[in-house]
Amino acid sequence: MITLIDLLKDVRNCTLCAEQLPLGPRPVVQASSPARILIAGQAPGRKVHAAGIPFADASGERLRTWLGIDRDTFYDASRIAILPMGFCYPGTGKSGDLPPRPECADTWRQRLLNELPDVQLTLAIGQYAQAWHLPDAPRQVTATVQQWQTWWPHTLPLPHPSPRNNLWLRRNPWFEDEIIPVLQERVRVLLDA
């Protein structure tokens, strides 16, 4: 029987889509069986690829603020698992990073989730994570986030915390006014338990 440690080693050595990755494979994940919160993002950006650390960029700073936690807590794998839909930087397209490579979710996602039995809150960040974790949700991020109570308290759809979404946040002040305080309280309860 394969353990999570062995599975993560296999993930980190994965080269399934190496030929399609402009900077080559460098899977960036964080997981440990006792984690109670799962962050399901899109795929690492260029800075995260270079650092090899999930959310090691401005998106991570905003996400930690939304969660109300510090860096040490965020990077404690025994508390928070970080499994993007694609584990490697997919490259850049005309309007930002390309979509996550589908091979990751197809090959690894369910196997990894099976090894995280204590997850009580999944943060589905962006359209690709929402499509996988909330298959019956609307296909538009705004509509899905507006309906957040449908999946609460087990799953919460979020917009991407990237600075590219500053305009979205300005146009949708209800998100930070209504959802973030509820999210921070749930995170605090889960991490204090």
N, C-alpha and C. Protein backbone atom coordinates (compact mmCIF):
# COMPACT_ATOMS: atom_id res chain seq x y z
N MET A 1 0.85 -1.19 0.00
CA MET A 1 0.00 0.00 0.00
C MET A 1 0.88 1.24 0.00
N ILE A 2 0.63 2.14 -0.91
CA ILE A 2 1.44 3.34 -1.04
C ILE A 2 1.02 4.37 0.03
N THR A 3 2.01 5.01 0.63
CA THR A 3 1.74 6.03 1.64
C THR A 3 1.70 7.41 0.98
N LEU A 4 1.20 8.39 1.72
CA LEU A 4 1.20 9.76 1.20
C LEU A 4 2.61 10.24 0.92
N ILE A 5 3.55 9.87 1.75
CA ILE A 5 4.95 10.27 1.53
C ILE A 5 5.45 9.73 0.19
N ASP A 6 5.15 8.46 -0.08
CA ASP A 6 5.56 7.85 -1.35
C ASP A 6 4.84 8.51 -2.53
N LEU A 7 3.56 8.78 -2.34
CA LEU A 7 2.77 9.40 -3.40
C LEU A 7 3.30 10.80 -3.72
N LEU A 8 3.61 11.58 -2.69
CA LEU A 8 4.18 12.92 -2.91
C LEU A 8 5.54 12.85 -3.60
N LYS A 9 6.31 11.84 -3.28
CA LYS A 9 7.60 11.65 -3.95
C LYS A 9 7.37 11.38 -5.44
N ASP A 10 6.39 10.54 -5.74
CA ASP A 10 6.07 10.26 -7.15
C ASP A 10 5.58 11.53 -7.86
N VAL A 11 4.74 12.31 -7.19
CA VAL A 11 4.24 13.56 -7.77
C VAL A 11 5.41 14.49 -8.07
N ARG A 12 6.30 14.65 -7.13
CA ARG A 12 7.42 15.59 -7.30
C ARG A 12 8.40 15.14 -8.37
N ASN A 13 8.37 13.86 -8.73
CA ASN A 13 9.23 13.34 -9.79
C ASN A 13 8.48 13.18 -11.12
N CYS A 14 7.24 13.64 -11.16
CA CYS A 14 6.41 13.47 -12.35
C CYS A 14 6.96 14.25 -13.54
N THR A 15 6.92 13.62 -14.71
CA THR A 15 7.34 14.27 -15.96
C THR A 15 6.31 14.02 -17.08
N LEU A 16 5.07 13.69 -16.70
CA LEU A 16 4.04 13.34 -17.68
C LEU A 16 3.89 14.35 -18.82
N CYS A 17 3.92 15.62 -18.49
CA CYS A 17 3.69 16.64 -19.54
C CYS A 17 4.92 17.51 -19.74
N ALA A 18 6.09 16.97 -19.49
CA ALA A 18 7.34 17.74 -19.59
C ALA A 18 7.49 18.45 -20.93
N GLU A 19 7.10 17.80 -22.01
CA GLU A 19 7.28 18.38 -23.35
C GLU A 19 6.40 19.61 -23.58
N GLN A 20 5.32 19.76 -22.80
CA GLN A 20 4.42 20.89 -22.96
C GLN A 20 4.72 22.05 -22.00
N LEU A 21 5.67 21.87 -21.11
CA LEU A 21 5.96 22.88 -20.10
C LEU A 21 7.16 23.73 -20.52
N PRO A 22 6.98 25.04 -20.68
CA PRO A 22 8.06 25.89 -21.18
C PRO A 22 9.27 25.95 -20.26
N LEU A 23 9.08 25.77 -18.96
CA LEU A 23 10.21 25.81 -18.02
C LEU A 23 10.52 24.42 -17.46
N GLY A 24 9.90 23.40 -18.02
CA GLY A 24 10.11 22.04 -17.53
C GLY A 24 9.29 21.75 -16.30
N PRO A 25 9.26 20.48 -15.90
CA PRO A 25 8.46 20.11 -14.74
C PRO A 25 9.12 20.54 -13.42
N ARG A 26 8.30 21.04 -12.53
CA ARG A 26 8.68 21.32 -11.15
C ARG A 26 7.38 21.35 -10.34
N PRO A 27 6.84 20.18 -10.04
CA PRO A 27 5.58 20.12 -9.29
C PRO A 27 5.70 20.81 -7.94
N VAL A 28 4.72 21.67 -7.66
CA VAL A 28 4.70 22.42 -6.41
C VAL A 28 3.41 22.06 -5.67
N VAL A 29 3.56 21.29 -4.59
CA VAL A 29 2.44 20.85 -3.78
C VAL A 29 2.85 20.87 -2.31
N GLN A 30 1.85 20.81 -1.44
CA GLN A 30 2.08 20.72 0.00
C GLN A 30 0.95 19.88 0.58
N ALA A 31 1.28 18.81 1.30
CA ALA A 31 0.23 17.98 1.87
C ALA A 31 0.77 17.12 3.01
N SER A 32 -0.11 16.86 3.95
CA SER A 32 0.15 15.95 5.06
C SER A 32 -1.20 15.42 5.53
N SER A 33 -1.26 14.17 5.91
CA SER A 33 -2.54 13.54 6.25
C SER A 33 -3.38 14.27 7.29
N PRO A 34 -2.81 14.90 8.31
CA PRO A 34 -3.67 15.58 9.29
C PRO A 34 -4.21 16.95 8.86
N ALA A 35 -3.86 17.42 7.67
CA ALA A 35 -4.32 18.75 7.22
C ALA A 35 -5.83 18.83 7.29
N ARG A 36 -6.33 19.97 7.78
CA ARG A 36 -7.78 20.17 7.92
C ARG A 36 -8.33 21.12 6.85
N ILE A 37 -7.42 21.86 6.20
CA ILE A 37 -7.83 22.81 5.16
C ILE A 37 -7.09 22.46 3.88
N LEU A 38 -7.82 22.44 2.78
CA LEU A 38 -7.24 22.18 1.47
C LEU A 38 -7.39 23.44 0.61
N ILE A 39 -6.29 23.90 0.07
CA ILE A 39 -6.32 25.00 -0.89
C ILE A 39 -6.15 24.39 -2.27
N ALA A 40 -7.20 24.49 -3.07
CA ALA A 40 -7.19 23.96 -4.43
C ALA A 40 -7.10 25.15 -5.38
N GLY A 41 -5.89 25.44 -5.82
CA GLY A 41 -5.67 26.57 -6.71
C GLY A 41 -5.67 26.15 -8.17
N GLN A 42 -5.11 27.01 -9.01
CA GLN A 42 -5.08 26.77 -10.45
C GLN A 42 -3.81 25.99 -10.83
N ALA A 43 -2.69 26.72 -10.88
CA ALA A 43 -1.38 26.15 -11.20
C ALA A 43 -0.35 27.18 -10.78
N PRO A 44 0.86 26.75 -10.49
CA PRO A 44 1.89 27.70 -10.09
C PRO A 44 2.18 28.72 -11.20
N GLY A 45 2.45 29.94 -10.79
CA GLY A 45 2.91 30.96 -11.72
C GLY A 45 4.42 30.88 -11.85
N ARG A 46 4.98 31.79 -12.63
CA ARG A 46 6.43 31.80 -12.88
C ARG A 46 7.23 31.97 -11.58
N LYS A 47 6.80 32.88 -10.68
CA LYS A 47 7.54 33.10 -9.43
C LYS A 47 7.49 31.87 -8.53
N VAL A 48 6.34 31.23 -8.47
CA VAL A 48 6.20 30.03 -7.65
C VAL A 48 7.05 28.91 -8.25
N HIS A 49 7.07 28.79 -9.56
CA HIS A 49 7.92 27.79 -10.21
C HIS A 49 9.38 28.01 -9.81
N ALA A 50 9.82 29.26 -9.85
CA ALA A 50 11.22 29.56 -9.51
C ALA A 50 11.52 29.24 -8.05
N ALA A 51 10.57 29.56 -7.17
CA ALA A 51 10.79 29.36 -5.73
C ALA A 51 10.57 27.91 -5.30
N GLY A 52 9.66 27.22 -5.99
CA GLY A 52 9.32 25.87 -5.58
C GLY A 52 8.45 25.83 -4.34
N ILE A 53 7.86 26.97 -4.00
CA ILE A 53 7.04 27.12 -2.80
C ILE A 53 5.66 27.62 -3.23
N PRO A 54 4.58 26.95 -2.82
CA PRO A 54 3.24 27.38 -3.25
C PRO A 54 2.91 28.79 -2.78
N PHE A 55 2.30 29.55 -3.64
CA PHE A 55 1.84 30.91 -3.32
C PHE A 55 2.96 31.80 -2.78
N ALA A 56 4.16 31.64 -3.29
CA ALA A 56 5.30 32.48 -2.90
C ALA A 56 5.33 33.73 -3.78
N ASP A 57 4.21 34.47 -3.75
CA ASP A 57 4.08 35.65 -4.59
C ASP A 57 3.01 36.56 -3.99
N ALA A 58 2.63 37.60 -4.71
CA ALA A 58 1.62 38.54 -4.21
C ALA A 58 0.27 37.85 -4.00
N SER A 59 -0.05 36.86 -4.81
CA SER A 59 -1.30 36.11 -4.62
C SER A 59 -1.31 35.44 -3.25
N GLY A 60 -0.19 34.89 -2.87
CA GLY A 60 -0.08 34.24 -1.58
C GLY A 60 -0.25 35.21 -0.42
N GLU A 61 0.31 36.41 -0.58
CA GLU A 61 0.15 37.42 0.48
C GLU A 61 -1.32 37.76 0.68
N ARG A 62 -2.03 37.97 -0.43
CA ARG A 62 -3.46 38.29 -0.33
C ARG A 62 -4.23 37.09 0.23
N LEU A 63 -3.92 35.90 -0.22
CA LEU A 63 -4.63 34.72 0.27
C LEU A 63 -4.44 34.54 1.77
N ARG A 64 -3.23 34.73 2.26
CA ARG A 64 -2.98 34.63 3.71
C ARG A 64 -3.77 35.70 4.47
N THR A 65 -3.90 36.88 3.89
CA THR A 65 -4.71 37.93 4.51
C THR A 65 -6.18 37.51 4.54
N TRP A 66 -6.69 36.98 3.43
CA TRP A 66 -8.07 36.50 3.40
C TRP A 66 -8.31 35.44 4.48
N LEU A 67 -7.33 34.55 4.67
CA LEU A 67 -7.47 33.47 5.65
C LEU A 67 -7.25 33.95 7.08
N GLY A 68 -6.56 35.09 7.23
CA GLY A 68 -6.27 35.61 8.56
C GLY A 68 -5.18 34.83 9.27
N ILE A 69 -4.21 34.32 8.49
CA ILE A 69 -3.13 33.52 9.08
C ILE A 69 -1.77 34.04 8.64
N ASP A 70 -0.73 33.66 9.38
CA ASP A 70 0.63 34.07 9.03
C ASP A 70 1.29 33.02 8.13
N ARG A 71 2.50 33.35 7.69
CA ARG A 71 3.23 32.47 6.76
C ARG A 71 3.52 31.10 7.39
N ASP A 72 3.92 31.10 8.66
CA ASP A 72 4.27 29.83 9.30
C ASP A 72 3.08 28.88 9.33
N THR A 73 1.92 29.41 9.65
CA THR A 73 0.71 28.58 9.67
C THR A 73 0.37 28.11 8.26
N PHE A 74 0.45 29.02 7.31
CA PHE A 74 0.12 28.72 5.91
C PHE A 74 0.99 27.59 5.36
N TYR A 75 2.27 27.60 5.71
CA TYR A 75 3.19 26.60 5.19
C TYR A 75 3.38 25.40 6.10
N ASP A 76 2.50 25.22 7.06
CA ASP A 76 2.50 24.05 7.92
C ASP A 76 1.64 22.99 7.26
N ALA A 77 2.27 22.03 6.60
CA ALA A 77 1.55 21.01 5.83
C ALA A 77 0.64 20.16 6.70
N SER A 78 0.93 20.08 7.99
CA SER A 78 0.07 19.29 8.87
C SER A 78 -1.25 20.00 9.14
N ARG A 79 -1.33 21.26 8.75
CA ARG A 79 -2.55 22.04 8.97
C ARG A 79 -3.24 22.40 7.66
N ILE A 80 -2.42 22.73 6.65
CA ILE A 80 -2.97 23.20 5.36
C ILE A 80 -2.31 22.45 4.21
N ALA A 81 -3.14 21.81 3.39
CA ALA A 81 -2.67 21.16 2.17
C ALA A 81 -2.89 22.12 1.00
N ILE A 82 -1.95 22.16 0.08
CA ILE A 82 -2.05 23.01 -1.10
C ILE A 82 -1.83 22.13 -2.33
N LEU A 83 -2.93 21.87 -3.04
CA LEU A 83 -2.89 21.02 -4.23
C LEU A 83 -3.55 21.76 -5.39
N PRO A 84 -2.76 22.45 -6.20
CA PRO A 84 -3.37 23.12 -7.36
C PRO A 84 -3.89 22.10 -8.37
N MET A 85 -4.69 22.56 -9.29
CA MET A 85 -5.23 21.67 -10.32
C MET A 85 -4.13 21.19 -11.26
N GLY A 86 -3.14 22.01 -11.47
CA GLY A 86 -1.94 21.64 -12.21
C GLY A 86 -0.75 21.93 -11.32
N PHE A 87 0.18 21.00 -11.21
CA PHE A 87 1.27 21.15 -10.26
C PHE A 87 2.47 21.94 -10.80
N CYS A 88 2.54 22.11 -12.11
CA CYS A 88 3.67 22.79 -12.73
C CYS A 88 3.21 24.06 -13.46
N TYR A 89 4.13 25.00 -13.61
CA TYR A 89 3.85 26.23 -14.35
C TYR A 89 3.54 25.87 -15.80
N PRO A 90 2.33 26.23 -16.30
CA PRO A 90 1.93 25.82 -17.64
C PRO A 90 2.40 26.72 -18.77
N GLY A 91 2.94 27.90 -18.44
CA GLY A 91 3.34 28.85 -19.46
C GLY A 91 2.36 30.00 -19.54
N THR A 92 2.68 30.96 -20.41
CA THR A 92 1.89 32.17 -20.53
C THR A 92 1.17 32.21 -21.88
N GLY A 93 -0.09 32.65 -21.83
CA GLY A 93 -0.88 32.82 -23.04
C GLY A 93 -1.09 34.29 -23.32
N LYS A 94 -2.09 34.62 -24.13
CA LYS A 94 -2.34 36.01 -24.51
C LYS A 94 -2.83 36.87 -23.36
N SER A 95 -3.57 36.26 -22.41
CA SER A 95 -4.15 37.07 -21.33
C SER A 95 -3.73 36.57 -19.95
N GLY A 96 -2.54 36.04 -19.83
CA GLY A 96 -2.07 35.53 -18.54
C GLY A 96 -1.58 34.11 -18.68
N ASP A 97 -1.43 33.46 -17.55
CA ASP A 97 -0.95 32.08 -17.57
C ASP A 97 -1.94 31.16 -18.27
N LEU A 98 -1.41 30.14 -18.90
CA LEU A 98 -2.24 29.14 -19.56
C LEU A 98 -3.01 28.33 -18.51
N PRO A 99 -4.04 27.62 -18.92
CA PRO A 99 -4.78 26.76 -17.98
C PRO A 99 -3.86 25.67 -17.42
N PRO A 100 -4.21 25.12 -16.26
CA PRO A 100 -3.43 24.01 -15.72
C PRO A 100 -3.45 22.83 -16.68
N ARG A 101 -2.34 22.12 -16.75
CA ARG A 101 -2.31 20.91 -17.58
C ARG A 101 -3.27 19.88 -16.98
N PRO A 102 -4.09 19.24 -17.80
CA PRO A 102 -5.09 18.30 -17.27
C PRO A 102 -4.49 17.00 -16.72
N GLU A 103 -3.28 16.68 -17.11
CA GLU A 103 -2.67 15.42 -16.68
C GLU A 103 -2.57 15.32 -15.15
N CYS A 104 -2.33 16.45 -14.50
CA CYS A 104 -2.18 16.41 -13.04
C CYS A 104 -3.45 15.92 -12.36
N ALA A 105 -4.55 16.57 -12.64
CA ALA A 105 -5.81 16.17 -12.00
C ALA A 105 -6.18 14.75 -12.38
N ASP A 106 -6.02 14.42 -13.66
CA ASP A 106 -6.39 13.08 -14.13
C ASP A 106 -5.56 11.99 -13.45
N THR A 107 -4.29 12.27 -13.22
CA THR A 107 -3.37 11.25 -12.70
C THR A 107 -3.27 11.24 -11.18
N TRP A 108 -3.25 12.43 -10.57
CA TRP A 108 -2.88 12.52 -9.16
C TRP A 108 -3.97 12.97 -8.19
N ARG A 109 -4.91 13.78 -8.63
CA ARG A 109 -5.77 14.50 -7.70
C ARG A 109 -6.55 13.59 -6.74
N GLN A 110 -7.31 12.66 -7.26
CA GLN A 110 -8.12 11.83 -6.37
C GLN A 110 -7.24 10.97 -5.46
N ARG A 111 -6.14 10.49 -5.98
CA ARG A 111 -5.23 9.68 -5.15
C ARG A 111 -4.71 10.50 -3.97
N LEU A 112 -4.36 11.76 -4.21
CA LEU A 112 -3.90 12.62 -3.12
C LEU A 112 -5.02 12.96 -2.15
N LEU A 113 -6.19 13.28 -2.67
CA LEU A 113 -7.32 13.62 -1.80
C LEU A 113 -7.70 12.44 -0.91
N ASN A 114 -7.55 11.22 -1.42
CA ASN A 114 -7.85 10.03 -0.61
C ASN A 114 -6.93 9.93 0.61
N GLU A 115 -5.78 10.57 0.55
CA GLU A 115 -4.81 10.52 1.64
C GLU A 115 -4.94 11.71 2.60
N LEU A 116 -6.00 12.51 2.40
CA LEU A 116 -6.24 13.68 3.26
C LEU A 116 -7.60 13.53 3.95
N PRO A 117 -7.70 12.57 4.87
CA PRO A 117 -9.01 12.25 5.46
C PRO A 117 -9.57 13.30 6.41
N ASP A 118 -8.74 14.21 6.90
CA ASP A 118 -9.19 15.18 7.89
C ASP A 118 -9.58 16.53 7.33
N VAL A 119 -9.53 16.69 6.00
CA VAL A 119 -9.89 17.98 5.40
C VAL A 119 -11.36 18.27 5.67
N GLN A 120 -11.60 19.44 6.24
CA GLN A 120 -12.96 19.85 6.55
C GLN A 120 -13.38 21.12 5.80
N LEU A 121 -12.40 21.76 5.14
CA LEU A 121 -12.70 22.94 4.34
C LEU A 121 -11.81 22.93 3.11
N THR A 122 -12.44 22.98 1.94
CA THR A 122 -11.72 23.07 0.67
C THR A 122 -11.97 24.45 0.08
N LEU A 123 -10.91 25.16 -0.21
CA LEU A 123 -11.00 26.46 -0.88
C LEU A 123 -10.76 26.23 -2.36
N ALA A 124 -11.81 26.37 -3.16
CA ALA A 124 -11.73 26.16 -4.61
C ALA A 124 -11.47 27.51 -5.27
N ILE A 125 -10.21 27.74 -5.63
CA ILE A 125 -9.79 29.05 -6.14
C ILE A 125 -9.79 29.05 -7.66
N GLY A 126 -10.66 29.86 -8.24
CA GLY A 126 -10.70 30.02 -9.69
C GLY A 126 -11.53 28.96 -10.39
N GLN A 127 -11.72 29.19 -11.69
CA GLN A 127 -12.66 28.38 -12.47
C GLN A 127 -12.28 26.91 -12.59
N TYR A 128 -11.00 26.58 -12.69
CA TYR A 128 -10.61 25.18 -12.89
C TYR A 128 -10.82 24.37 -11.62
N ALA A 129 -10.45 24.93 -10.49
CA ALA A 129 -10.68 24.25 -9.21
C ALA A 129 -12.17 24.15 -8.92
N GLN A 130 -12.91 25.18 -9.25
CA GLN A 130 -14.35 25.15 -9.01
C GLN A 130 -15.03 24.12 -9.90
N ALA A 131 -14.60 24.01 -11.13
CA ALA A 131 -15.20 23.02 -12.04
C ALA A 131 -14.96 21.60 -11.53
N TRP A 132 -13.81 21.35 -10.93
CA TRP A 132 -13.49 20.00 -10.44
C TRP A 132 -14.19 19.72 -9.11
N HIS A 133 -14.08 20.66 -8.17
CA HIS A 133 -14.62 20.44 -6.83
C HIS A 133 -16.12 20.73 -6.71
N LEU A 134 -16.64 21.56 -7.60
CA LEU A 134 -18.06 21.92 -7.58
C LEU A 134 -18.63 21.73 -8.98
N PRO A 135 -18.74 20.50 -9.44
CA PRO A 135 -19.12 20.26 -10.84
C PRO A 135 -20.50 20.78 -11.22
N ASP A 136 -21.38 20.99 -10.24
CA ASP A 136 -22.72 21.49 -10.55
C ASP A 136 -22.83 23.01 -10.43
N ALA A 137 -21.72 23.67 -10.13
CA ALA A 137 -21.72 25.13 -9.96
C ALA A 137 -21.77 25.82 -11.32
N PRO A 138 -22.19 27.10 -11.32
CA PRO A 138 -22.14 27.86 -12.58
C PRO A 138 -20.70 27.91 -13.10
N ARG A 139 -20.53 28.12 -14.35
CA ARG A 139 -19.19 28.15 -14.95
C ARG A 139 -18.51 29.51 -14.79
N GLN A 140 -19.22 30.52 -14.33
CA GLN A 140 -18.62 31.83 -14.12
C GLN A 140 -18.22 31.96 -12.65
N VAL A 141 -16.99 32.40 -12.43
CA VAL A 141 -16.47 32.51 -11.07
C VAL A 141 -17.34 33.42 -10.21
N THR A 142 -17.75 34.57 -10.74
CA THR A 142 -18.56 35.50 -9.94
C THR A 142 -19.86 34.85 -9.49
N ALA A 143 -20.54 34.18 -10.39
CA ALA A 143 -21.81 33.53 -10.03
C ALA A 143 -21.58 32.43 -9.00
N THR A 144 -20.50 31.69 -9.15
CA THR A 144 -20.21 30.62 -8.20
C THR A 144 -19.89 31.19 -6.83
N VAL A 145 -19.06 32.23 -6.78
CA VAL A 145 -18.70 32.83 -5.50
C VAL A 145 -19.94 33.44 -4.84
N GLN A 146 -20.82 34.04 -5.63
CA GLN A 146 -22.05 34.60 -5.07
C GLN A 146 -22.92 33.54 -4.41
N GLN A 147 -22.82 32.32 -4.88
CA GLN A 147 -23.62 31.22 -4.33
C GLN A 147 -22.84 30.40 -3.29
N TRP A 148 -21.85 30.99 -2.67
CA TRP A 148 -20.93 30.29 -1.77
C TRP A 148 -21.63 29.51 -0.67
N GLN A 149 -22.76 29.99 -0.18
CA GLN A 149 -23.45 29.32 0.92
C GLN A 149 -24.00 27.94 0.53
N THR A 150 -24.12 27.69 -0.76
CA THR A 150 -24.58 26.40 -1.25
C THR A 150 -23.67 25.27 -0.79
N TRP A 151 -22.37 25.53 -0.74
CA TRP A 151 -21.40 24.48 -0.43
C TRP A 151 -20.77 24.65 0.96
N TRP A 152 -21.09 25.73 1.61
CA TRP A 152 -20.53 26.04 2.92
C TRP A 152 -21.11 25.09 3.98
N PRO A 153 -20.38 24.63 4.96
CA PRO A 153 -19.04 25.03 5.38
C PRO A 153 -17.93 24.12 4.89
N HIS A 154 -18.21 23.18 3.97
CA HIS A 154 -17.19 22.22 3.54
C HIS A 154 -16.35 22.70 2.38
N THR A 155 -16.93 23.51 1.50
CA THR A 155 -16.21 24.02 0.34
C THR A 155 -16.56 25.48 0.15
N LEU A 156 -15.57 26.28 -0.19
CA LEU A 156 -15.79 27.70 -0.45
C LEU A 156 -15.14 28.08 -1.77
N PRO A 157 -15.94 28.51 -2.75
CA PRO A 157 -15.35 29.01 -4.00
C PRO A 157 -14.80 30.42 -3.78
N LEU A 158 -13.62 30.66 -4.30
CA LEU A 158 -12.98 31.97 -4.18
C LEU A 158 -12.50 32.43 -5.55
N PRO A 159 -12.46 33.75 -5.75
CA PRO A 159 -11.77 34.26 -6.93
C PRO A 159 -10.27 34.08 -6.71
N HIS A 160 -9.51 34.17 -7.75
CA HIS A 160 -8.06 34.07 -7.57
C HIS A 160 -7.57 35.31 -6.84
N PRO A 161 -6.67 35.15 -5.86
CA PRO A 161 -6.18 36.31 -5.10
C PRO A 161 -5.12 37.13 -5.84
N SER A 162 -4.91 36.88 -7.10
CA SER A 162 -3.90 37.59 -7.89
C SER A 162 -4.19 39.09 -7.97
N PRO A 163 -3.13 39.91 -8.02
CA PRO A 163 -3.33 41.34 -8.26
C PRO A 163 -4.08 41.61 -9.58
N ARG A 164 -4.07 40.65 -10.51
CA ARG A 164 -4.83 40.81 -11.75
C ARG A 164 -6.32 40.92 -11.48
N ASN A 165 -6.75 40.49 -10.28
CA ASN A 165 -8.18 40.54 -9.94
C ASN A 165 -8.55 41.74 -9.09
N ASN A 166 -7.69 42.75 -9.02
CA ASN A 166 -8.01 43.95 -8.24
C ASN A 166 -9.31 44.60 -8.73
N LEU A 167 -9.51 44.66 -10.03
CA LEU A 167 -10.72 45.25 -10.58
C LEU A 167 -11.95 44.44 -10.15
N TRP A 168 -11.85 43.11 -10.20
CA TRP A 168 -12.96 42.26 -9.76
C TRP A 168 -13.29 42.55 -8.30
N LEU A 169 -12.27 42.67 -7.46
CA LEU A 169 -12.50 42.94 -6.03
C LEU A 169 -13.15 44.31 -5.82
N ARG A 170 -12.76 45.30 -6.61
CA ARG A 170 -13.38 46.63 -6.49
C ARG A 170 -14.84 46.59 -6.94
N ARG A 171 -15.13 45.80 -7.96
CA ARG A 171 -16.50 45.71 -8.48
C ARG A 171 -17.41 44.83 -7.60
N ASN A 172 -16.80 44.03 -6.76
CA ASN A 172 -17.56 43.09 -5.93
C ASN A 172 -17.16 43.23 -4.46
N PRO A 173 -17.42 44.41 -3.87
CA PRO A 173 -16.99 44.62 -2.48
C PRO A 173 -17.67 43.67 -1.48
N TRP A 174 -18.81 43.13 -1.84
CA TRP A 174 -19.51 42.17 -0.98
C TRP A 174 -18.62 40.98 -0.64
N PHE A 175 -17.70 40.63 -1.55
CA PHE A 175 -16.86 39.46 -1.31
C PHE A 175 -16.03 39.64 -0.03
N GLU A 176 -15.28 40.75 0.03
CA GLU A 176 -14.45 40.97 1.21
C GLU A 176 -15.27 41.39 2.43
N ASP A 177 -16.39 42.05 2.20
CA ASP A 177 -17.23 42.49 3.33
C ASP A 177 -17.99 41.33 3.97
N GLU A 178 -18.51 40.42 3.15
CA GLU A 178 -19.39 39.37 3.66
C GLU A 178 -18.71 38.02 3.84
N ILE A 179 -17.88 37.63 2.89
CA ILE A 179 -17.33 36.27 2.90
C ILE A 179 -16.05 36.16 3.72
N ILE A 180 -15.16 37.12 3.60
CA ILE A 180 -13.86 37.01 4.27
C ILE A 180 -14.00 36.88 5.79
N PRO A 181 -14.85 37.66 6.47
CA PRO A 181 -14.98 37.45 7.92
C PRO A 181 -15.46 36.04 8.29
N VAL A 182 -16.38 35.49 7.52
CA VAL A 182 -16.88 34.14 7.76
C VAL A 182 -15.77 33.12 7.52
N LEU A 183 -15.01 33.31 6.45
CA LEU A 183 -13.88 32.43 6.14
C LEU A 183 -12.86 32.47 7.27
N GLN A 184 -12.49 33.66 7.72
CA GLN A 184 -11.48 33.77 8.77
C GLN A 184 -11.92 33.08 10.06
N GLU A 185 -13.19 33.18 10.39
CA GLU A 185 -13.69 32.52 11.60
C GLU A 185 -13.62 31.00 11.44
N ARG A 186 -14.02 30.50 10.29
CA ARG A 186 -13.97 29.04 10.04
C ARG A 186 -12.53 28.53 10.08
N VAL A 187 -11.62 29.27 9.49
CA VAL A 187 -10.20 28.88 9.51
C VAL A 187 -9.70 28.85 10.95
N ARG A 188 -10.04 29.87 11.72
CA ARG A 188 -9.59 29.92 13.11
C ARG A 188 -10.10 28.71 13.89
N VAL A 189 -11.37 28.37 13.72
CA VAL A 189 -11.95 27.23 14.43
C VAL A 189 -11.25 25.92 14.02
N LEU A 190 -11.04 25.73 12.74
CA LEU A 190 -10.41 24.50 12.27
C LEU A 190 -8.97 24.37 12.74
N LEU A 191 -8.24 25.47 12.75
CA LEU A 191 -6.84 25.41 13.13
C LEU A 191 -6.65 25.34 14.65
N ASP A 192 -7.64 25.81 15.39
CA ASP A 192 -7.56 25.75 16.86
C ASP A 192 -8.04 24.43 17.43
N ALA A 193 -8.73 23.64 16.62
CA ALA A 193 -9.32 22.38 17.12
C ALA A 193 -8.26 21.33 17.40
